[in-house]
Amino acid sequence: APERGPEPPGGAAIARCLRLGPEDVLTGDRGPAG
């Protein structure tokens, strides 16, 4: 069954990894999660 992992890096860092801006990545209930 699915298991949630530890908190990932912040949204700004993830956006940089994806060549996107922080405003492109959703937060809150739909924020990044492992």
PDB file of all heavy atoms in Angstrom:
ATOM      1  N   ALA A   1       0.855  -1.188   0.000  1.00  0.00           N
ATOM      2  CA  ALA A   1       0.000   0.000   0.000  1.00  0.00           C
ATOM      3  C   ALA A   1       0.893   1.240   0.000  1.00  0.00           C
ATOM      4  O   ALA A   1       2.045   1.193   0.437  1.00  0.00           O
ATOM      5  CB  ALA A   1      -0.906  -0.001   1.228  1.00  0.00           C
ATOM      6  N   PRO A   2       0.381   2.362  -0.481  1.00  0.00           N
ATOM      7  CA  PRO A   2       1.204   3.576  -0.525  1.00  0.00           C
ATOM      8  C   PRO A   2       1.629   4.035   0.868  1.00  0.00           C
ATOM      9  O   PRO A   2       0.858   3.963   1.824  1.00  0.00           O
ATOM     10  CB  PRO A   2       0.283   4.605  -1.180  1.00  0.00           C
ATOM     11  CG  PRO A   2      -0.789   3.817  -1.853  1.00  0.00           C
ATOM     12  CD  PRO A   2      -0.949   2.574  -1.063  1.00  0.00           C
ATOM     13  N   GLU A   3       2.862   4.509   0.948  1.00  0.00           N
ATOM     14  CA  GLU A   3       3.391   5.076   2.181  1.00  0.00           C
ATOM     15  C   GLU A   3       3.984   6.444   1.874  1.00  0.00           C
ATOM     16  O   GLU A   3       4.695   6.624   0.872  1.00  0.00           O
ATOM     17  CB  GLU A   3       4.473   4.171   2.774  1.00  0.00           C
ATOM     18  CG  GLU A   3       3.990   2.786   3.160  1.00  0.00           C
ATOM     19  CD  GLU A   3       5.122   1.907   3.651  1.00  0.00           C
ATOM     20  OE1 GLU A   3       6.241   2.446   3.844  1.00  0.00           O
ATOM     21  OE2 GLU A   3       4.899   0.699   3.830  1.00  0.00           O
ATOM     22  N   ARG A   4       3.681   7.400   2.752  1.00  0.00           N
ATOM     23  CA  ARG A   4       4.217   8.744   2.576  1.00  0.00           C
ATOM     24  C   ARG A   4       5.627   8.819   3.158  1.00  0.00           C
ATOM     25  O   ARG A   4       5.908   8.244   4.207  1.00  0.00           O
ATOM     26  CB  ARG A   4       3.320   9.778   3.240  1.00  0.00           C
ATOM     27  CG  ARG A   4       3.780  11.209   2.991  1.00  0.00           C
ATOM     28  CD  ARG A   4       2.725  12.221   3.374  1.00  0.00           C
ATOM     29  NE  ARG A   4       3.190  13.567   3.054  1.00  0.00           N
ATOM     30  CZ  ARG A   4       2.407  14.583   2.769  1.00  0.00           C
ATOM     31  NH1 ARG A   4       1.091  14.415   2.744  1.00  0.00           N
ATOM     32  NH2 ARG A   4       2.904  15.775   2.504  1.00  0.00           N
ATOM     33  N   GLY A   5       6.510   9.528   2.472  1.00  0.00           N
ATOM     34  CA  GLY A   5       7.885   9.659   2.916  1.00  0.00           C
ATOM     35  C   GLY A   5       8.130  10.928   3.700  1.00  0.00           C
ATOM     36  O   GLY A   5       7.203  11.689   4.006  1.00  0.00           O
ATOM     37  N   PRO A   6       9.385  11.196   4.020  1.00  0.00           N
ATOM     38  CA  PRO A   6       9.740  12.418   4.739  1.00  0.00           C
ATOM     39  C   PRO A   6       9.491  13.658   3.889  1.00  0.00           C
ATOM     40  O   PRO A   6       9.322  13.574   2.671  1.00  0.00           O
ATOM     41  CB  PRO A   6      11.227  12.231   5.037  1.00  0.00           C
ATOM     42  CG  PRO A   6      11.701  11.234   4.026  1.00  0.00           C
ATOM     43  CD  PRO A   6      10.552  10.343   3.746  1.00  0.00           C
ATOM     44  N   GLU A   7       9.475  14.795   4.551  1.00  0.00           N
ATOM     45  CA  GLU A   7       9.234  16.051   3.848  1.00  0.00           C
ATOM     46  C   GLU A   7      10.331  16.298   2.809  1.00  0.00           C
ATOM     47  O   GLU A   7      11.519  16.137   3.098  1.00  0.00           O
ATOM     48  CB  GLU A   7       9.183  17.220   4.835  1.00  0.00           C
ATOM     49  CG  GLU A   7       7.895  17.295   5.626  1.00  0.00           C
ATOM     50  CD  GLU A   7       6.670  17.444   4.725  1.00  0.00           C
ATOM     51  OE1 GLU A   7       6.664  18.358   3.881  1.00  0.00           O
ATOM     52  OE2 GLU A   7       5.738  16.621   4.841  1.00  0.00           O
ATOM     53  N   PRO A   8       9.945  16.691   1.601  1.00  0.00           N
ATOM     54  CA  PRO A   8      10.935  16.960   0.551  1.00  0.00           C
ATOM     55  C   PRO A   8      11.542  18.349   0.726  1.00  0.00           C
ATOM     56  O   PRO A   8      11.131  19.106   1.620  1.00  0.00           O
ATOM     57  CB  PRO A   8      10.098  16.883  -0.723  1.00  0.00           C
ATOM     58  CG  PRO A   8       8.746  17.361  -0.291  1.00  0.00           C
ATOM     59  CD  PRO A   8       8.556  16.855   1.127  1.00  0.00           C
ATOM     60  N   PRO A   9      12.497  18.716  -0.117  1.00  0.00           N
ATOM     61  CA  PRO A   9      13.001  20.089  -0.103  1.00  0.00           C
ATOM     62  C   PRO A   9      11.878  21.094  -0.361  1.00  0.00           C
ATOM     63  O   PRO A   9      10.782  20.733  -0.795  1.00  0.00           O
ATOM     64  CB  PRO A   9      14.035  20.091  -1.235  1.00  0.00           C
ATOM     65  CG  PRO A   9      14.438  18.662  -1.394  1.00  0.00           C
ATOM     66  CD  PRO A   9      13.206  17.858  -1.071  1.00  0.00           C
ATOM     67  N   GLY A  10      12.156  22.343  -0.139  1.00  0.00           N
ATOM     68  CA  GLY A  10      11.158  23.379  -0.326  1.00  0.00           C
ATOM     69  C   GLY A  10      10.742  23.550  -1.773  1.00  0.00           C
ATOM     70  O   GLY A  10      11.450  23.148  -2.705  1.00  0.00           O
ATOM     71  N   GLY A  11       9.562  24.168  -1.955  1.00  0.00           N
ATOM     72  CA  GLY A  11       9.016  24.327  -3.303  1.00  0.00           C
ATOM     73  C   GLY A  11       9.904  25.125  -4.230  1.00  0.00           C
ATOM     74  O   GLY A  11       9.975  24.841  -5.436  1.00  0.00           O
ATOM     75  N   ALA A  12      10.604  26.127  -3.706  1.00  0.00           N
ATOM     76  CA  ALA A  12      11.476  26.935  -4.563  1.00  0.00           C
ATOM     77  C   ALA A  12      12.623  26.096  -5.113  1.00  0.00           C
ATOM     78  O   ALA A  12      12.980  26.201  -6.298  1.00  0.00           O
ATOM     79  CB  ALA A  12      12.008  28.133  -3.780  1.00  0.00           C
ATOM     80  N   ALA A  13      13.204  25.235  -4.261  1.00  0.00           N
ATOM     81  CA  ALA A  13      14.297  24.377  -4.720  1.00  0.00           C
ATOM     82  C   ALA A  13      13.803  23.371  -5.754  1.00  0.00           C
ATOM     83  O   ALA A  13      14.463  23.121  -6.766  1.00  0.00           O
ATOM     84  CB  ALA A  13      14.920  23.653  -3.529  1.00  0.00           C
ATOM     85  N   ILE A  14      12.621  22.792  -5.502  1.00  0.00           N
ATOM     86  CA  ILE A  14      12.059  21.836  -6.461  1.00  0.00           C
ATOM     87  C   ILE A  14      11.768  22.522  -7.786  1.00  0.00           C
ATOM     88  O   ILE A  14      12.044  21.978  -8.865  1.00  0.00           O
ATOM     89  CB  ILE A  14      10.793  21.197  -5.869  1.00  0.00           C
ATOM     90  CG1 ILE A  14      11.162  20.289  -4.694  1.00  0.00           C
ATOM     91  CG2 ILE A  14      10.039  20.407  -6.938  1.00  0.00           C
ATOM     92  CD1 ILE A  14       9.971  19.792  -3.900  1.00  0.00           C
ATOM     93  N   ALA A  15      11.226  23.741  -7.726  1.00  0.00           N
ATOM     94  CA  ALA A  15      10.943  24.481  -8.958  1.00  0.00           C
ATOM     95  C   ALA A  15      12.227  24.701  -9.755  1.00  0.00           C
ATOM     96  O   ALA A  15      12.235  24.539 -10.993  1.00  0.00           O
ATOM     97  CB  ALA A  15      10.279  25.815  -8.625  1.00  0.00           C
ATOM     98  N   ARG A  16      13.312  25.064  -9.085  1.00  0.00           N
ATOM     99  CA  ARG A  16      14.583  25.264  -9.791  1.00  0.00           C
ATOM    100  C   ARG A  16      15.031  23.980 -10.475  1.00  0.00           C
ATOM    101  O   ARG A  16      15.523  24.006 -11.611  1.00  0.00           O
ATOM    102  CB  ARG A  16      15.666  25.737  -8.818  1.00  0.00           C
ATOM    103  CG  ARG A  16      15.564  27.184  -8.403  1.00  0.00           C
ATOM    104  CD  ARG A  16      16.829  27.656  -7.717  1.00  0.00           C
ATOM    105  NE  ARG A  16      17.102  26.913  -6.482  1.00  0.00           N
ATOM    106  CZ  ARG A  16      16.636  27.276  -5.294  1.00  0.00           C
ATOM    107  NH1 ARG A  16      15.877  28.354  -5.175  1.00  0.00           N
ATOM    108  NH2 ARG A  16      16.939  26.557  -4.219  1.00  0.00           N
ATOM    109  N   CYS A  17      14.872  22.837  -9.789  1.00  0.00           N
ATOM    110  CA  CYS A  17      15.261  21.558 -10.387  1.00  0.00           C
ATOM    111  C   CYS A  17      14.480  21.272 -11.660  1.00  0.00           C
ATOM    112  O   CYS A  17      14.966  20.572 -12.550  1.00  0.00           O
ATOM    113  CB  CYS A  17      15.045  20.433  -9.383  1.00  0.00           C
ATOM    114  SG  CYS A  17      16.143  20.474  -7.958  1.00  0.00           S
ATOM    115  N   LEU A  18      13.258  21.803 -11.733  1.00  0.00           N
ATOM    116  CA  LEU A  18      12.382  21.553 -12.880  1.00  0.00           C
ATOM    117  C   LEU A  18      12.383  22.692 -13.893  1.00  0.00           C
ATOM    118  O   LEU A  18      11.547  22.731 -14.795  1.00  0.00           O
ATOM    119  CB  LEU A  18      10.957  21.303 -12.386  1.00  0.00           C
ATOM    120  CG  LEU A  18      10.767  20.043 -11.542  1.00  0.00           C
ATOM    121  CD1 LEU A  18       9.363  19.999 -10.941  1.00  0.00           C
ATOM    122  CD2 LEU A  18      11.020  18.788 -12.369  1.00  0.00           C
ATOM    123  N   ARG A  19      13.302  23.646 -13.720  1.00  0.00           N
ATOM    124  CA  ARG A  19      13.397  24.814 -14.614  1.00  0.00           C
ATOM    125  C   ARG A  19      12.109  25.646 -14.603  1.00  0.00           C
ATOM    126  O   ARG A  19      11.691  26.184 -15.622  1.00  0.00           O
ATOM    127  CB  ARG A  19      13.733  24.380 -16.039  1.00  0.00           C
ATOM    128  CG  ARG A  19      15.059  23.653 -16.176  1.00  0.00           C
ATOM    129  CD  ARG A  19      15.301  23.225 -17.617  1.00  0.00           C
ATOM    130  NE  ARG A  19      16.512  22.450 -17.731  1.00  0.00           N
ATOM    131  CZ  ARG A  19      16.823  21.690 -18.791  1.00  0.00           C
ATOM    132  NH1 ARG A  19      15.974  21.616 -19.810  1.00  0.00           N
ATOM    133  NH2 ARG A  19      17.950  21.023 -18.827  1.00  0.00           N
ATOM    134  N   LEU A  20      11.487  25.697 -13.448  1.00  0.00           N
ATOM    135  CA  LEU A  20      10.255  26.459 -13.292  1.00  0.00           C
ATOM    136  C   LEU A  20      10.447  27.507 -12.209  1.00  0.00           C
ATOM    137  O   LEU A  20      11.452  27.512 -11.484  1.00  0.00           O
ATOM    138  CB  LEU A  20       9.103  25.524 -12.898  1.00  0.00           C
ATOM    139  CG  LEU A  20       8.735  24.414 -13.889  1.00  0.00           C
ATOM    140  CD1 LEU A  20       7.681  23.490 -13.282  1.00  0.00           C
ATOM    141  CD2 LEU A  20       8.250  24.992 -15.219  1.00  0.00           C
ATOM    142  N   GLY A  21       9.468  28.408 -12.086  1.00  0.00           N
ATOM    143  CA  GLY A  21       9.479  29.388 -11.027  1.00  0.00           C
ATOM    144  C   GLY A  21       8.682  28.897  -9.833  1.00  0.00           C
ATOM    145  O   GLY A  21       7.815  28.024  -9.970  1.00  0.00           O
ATOM    146  N   PRO A  22       8.926  29.470  -8.650  1.00  0.00           N
ATOM    147  CA  PRO A  22       8.174  29.050  -7.458  1.00  0.00           C
ATOM    148  C   PRO A  22       6.681  29.196  -7.619  1.00  0.00           C
ATOM    149  O   PRO A  22       5.908  28.408  -7.055  1.00  0.00           O
ATOM    150  CB  PRO A  22       8.721  29.973  -6.362  1.00  0.00           C
ATOM    151  CG  PRO A  22      10.047  30.438  -6.853  1.00  0.00           C
ATOM    152  CD  PRO A  22       9.941  30.489  -8.353  1.00  0.00           C
ATOM    153  N   GLU A  23       6.239  30.187  -8.399  1.00  0.00           N
ATOM    154  CA  GLU A  23       4.809  30.408  -8.597  1.00  0.00           C
ATOM    155  C   GLU A  23       4.161  29.317  -9.444  1.00  0.00           C
ATOM    156  O   GLU A  23       2.924  29.192  -9.479  1.00  0.00           O
ATOM    157  CB  GLU A  23       4.580  31.764  -9.258  1.00  0.00           C
ATOM    158  CG  GLU A  23       5.026  31.879 -10.718  1.00  0.00           C
ATOM    159  CD  GLU A  23       6.535  32.061 -10.922  1.00  0.00           C
ATOM    160  OE1 GLU A  23       7.277  32.140  -9.909  1.00  0.00           O
ATOM    161  OE2 GLU A  23       6.960  32.137 -12.089  1.00  0.00           O
ATOM    162  N   ASP A  24       4.978  28.504 -10.122  1.00  0.00           N
ATOM    163  CA  ASP A  24       4.436  27.440 -10.978  1.00  0.00           C
ATOM    164  C   ASP A  24       4.045  26.190 -10.190  1.00  0.00           C
ATOM    165  O   ASP A  24       3.296  25.346 -10.693  1.00  0.00           O
ATOM    166  CB  ASP A  24       5.464  27.039 -12.044  1.00  0.00           C
ATOM    167  CG  ASP A  24       5.731  28.136 -13.051  1.00  0.00           C
ATOM    168  OD1 ASP A  24       4.763  28.820 -13.437  1.00  0.00           O
ATOM    169  OD2 ASP A  24       6.901  28.307 -13.450  1.00  0.00           O
ATOM    170  N   VAL A  25       4.581  26.032  -8.985  1.00  0.00           N
ATOM    171  CA  VAL A  25       4.395  24.814  -8.188  1.00  0.00           C
ATOM    172  C   VAL A  25       3.323  25.064  -7.130  1.00  0.00           C
ATOM    173  O   VAL A  25       3.404  26.022  -6.361  1.00  0.00           O
ATOM    174  CB  VAL A  25       5.724  24.393  -7.523  1.00  0.00           C
ATOM    175  CG1 VAL A  25       5.510  23.205  -6.599  1.00  0.00           C
ATOM    176  CG2 VAL A  25       6.759  24.055  -8.601  1.00  0.00           C
ATOM    177  N   LEU A  26       2.323  24.185  -7.082  1.00  0.00           N
ATOM    178  CA  LEU A  26       1.253  24.344  -6.101  1.00  0.00           C
ATOM    179  C   LEU A  26       1.759  24.046  -4.695  1.00  0.00           C
ATOM    180  O   LEU A  26       2.718  23.290  -4.508  1.00  0.00           O
ATOM    181  CB  LEU A  26       0.075  23.428  -6.440  1.00  0.00           C
ATOM    182  CG  LEU A  26      -1.012  24.004  -7.375  1.00  0.00           C
ATOM    183  CD1 LEU A  26      -0.442  24.439  -8.710  1.00  0.00           C
ATOM    184  CD2 LEU A  26      -2.143  23.002  -7.571  1.00  0.00           C
ATOM    185  N   THR A  27       1.073  24.637  -3.724  1.00  0.00           N
ATOM    186  CA  THR A  27       1.402  24.428  -2.318  1.00  0.00           C
ATOM    187  C   THR A  27       0.159  23.934  -1.590  1.00  0.00           C
ATOM    188  O   THR A  27      -0.854  23.621  -2.206  1.00  0.00           O
ATOM    189  CB  THR A  27       1.920  25.735  -1.691  1.00  0.00           C
ATOM    190  OG1 THR A  27       0.903  26.754  -1.831  1.00  0.00           O
ATOM    191  CG2 THR A  27       3.190  26.212  -2.378  1.00  0.00           C
ATOM    192  N   GLY A  28       0.207  23.882  -0.264  1.00  0.00           N
ATOM    193  CA  GLY A  28      -0.949  23.449   0.525  1.00  0.00           C
ATOM    194  C   GLY A  28      -1.243  21.985   0.326  1.00  0.00           C
ATOM    195  O   GLY A  28      -0.334  21.143   0.307  1.00  0.00           O
ATOM    196  N   ASP A  29      -2.535  21.646   0.177  1.00  0.00           N
ATOM    197  CA  ASP A  29      -2.943  20.248   0.035  1.00  0.00           C
ATOM    198  C   ASP A  29      -2.339  19.575  -1.186  1.00  0.00           C
ATOM    199  O   ASP A  29      -2.231  18.347  -1.232  1.00  0.00           O
ATOM    200  CB  ASP A  29      -4.477  20.144  -0.046  1.00  0.00           C
ATOM    201  CG  ASP A  29      -5.141  20.411   1.289  1.00  0.00           C
ATOM    202  OD1 ASP A  29      -4.426  20.443   2.304  1.00  0.00           O
ATOM    203  OD2 ASP A  29      -6.370  20.597   1.311  1.00  0.00           O
ATOM    204  N   ARG A  30      -1.964  20.347  -2.187  1.00  0.00           N
ATOM    205  CA  ARG A  30      -1.376  19.788  -3.401  1.00  0.00           C
ATOM    206  C   ARG A  30       0.100  20.152  -3.514  1.00  0.00           C
ATOM    207  O   ARG A  30       0.669  20.196  -4.606  1.00  0.00           O
ATOM    208  CB  ARG A  30      -2.154  20.259  -4.641  1.00  0.00           C
ATOM    209  CG  ARG A  30      -3.482  19.526  -4.807  1.00  0.00           C
ATOM    210  CD  ARG A  30      -3.245  18.103  -5.270  1.00  0.00           C
ATOM    211  NE  ARG A  30      -4.468  17.307  -5.276  1.00  0.00           N
ATOM    212  CZ  ARG A  30      -4.740  16.347  -4.414  1.00  0.00           C
ATOM    213  NH1 ARG A  30      -3.890  16.066  -3.448  1.00  0.00           N
ATOM    214  NH2 ARG A  30      -5.857  15.654  -4.497  1.00  0.00           N
ATOM    215  N   GLY A  31       0.722  20.428  -2.391  1.00  0.00           N
ATOM    216  CA  GLY A  31       2.146  20.713  -2.392  1.00  0.00           C
ATOM    217  C   GLY A  31       2.977  19.472  -2.646  1.00  0.00           C
ATOM    218  O   GLY A  31       2.489  18.337  -2.582  1.00  0.00           O
ATOM    219  N   PRO A  32       4.277  19.632  -2.928  1.00  0.00           N
ATOM    220  CA  PRO A  32       5.155  18.489  -3.191  1.00  0.00           C
ATOM    221  C   PRO A  32       5.181  17.507  -2.025  1.00  0.00           C
ATOM    222  O   PRO A  32       5.197  17.904  -0.851  1.00  0.00           O
ATOM    223  CB  PRO A  32       6.527  19.138  -3.398  1.00  0.00           C
ATOM    224  CG  PRO A  32       6.224  20.530  -3.849  1.00  0.00           C
ATOM    225  CD  PRO A  32       4.980  20.922  -3.115  1.00  0.00           C
ATOM    226  N   ALA A  33       5.185  16.208  -2.353  1.00  0.00           N
ATOM    227  CA  ALA A  33       5.216  15.166  -1.326  1.00  0.00           C
ATOM    228  C   ALA A  33       5.799  13.898  -1.928  1.00  0.00           C
ATOM    229  O   ALA A  33       5.593  13.604  -3.111  1.00  0.00           O
ATOM    230  CB  ALA A  33       3.824  14.894  -0.767  1.00  0.00           C
ATOM    231  N   GLY A  34       6.519  13.148  -1.105  1.00  0.00           N
ATOM    232  CA  GLY A  34       7.069  11.874  -1.526  1.00  0.00           C
ATOM    233  C   GLY A  34       6.182  10.718  -1.098  1.00  0.00           C
ATOM    234  O   GLY A  34       5.704  10.683   0.045  1.00  0.00           O
TER     235      GLY A  34
END
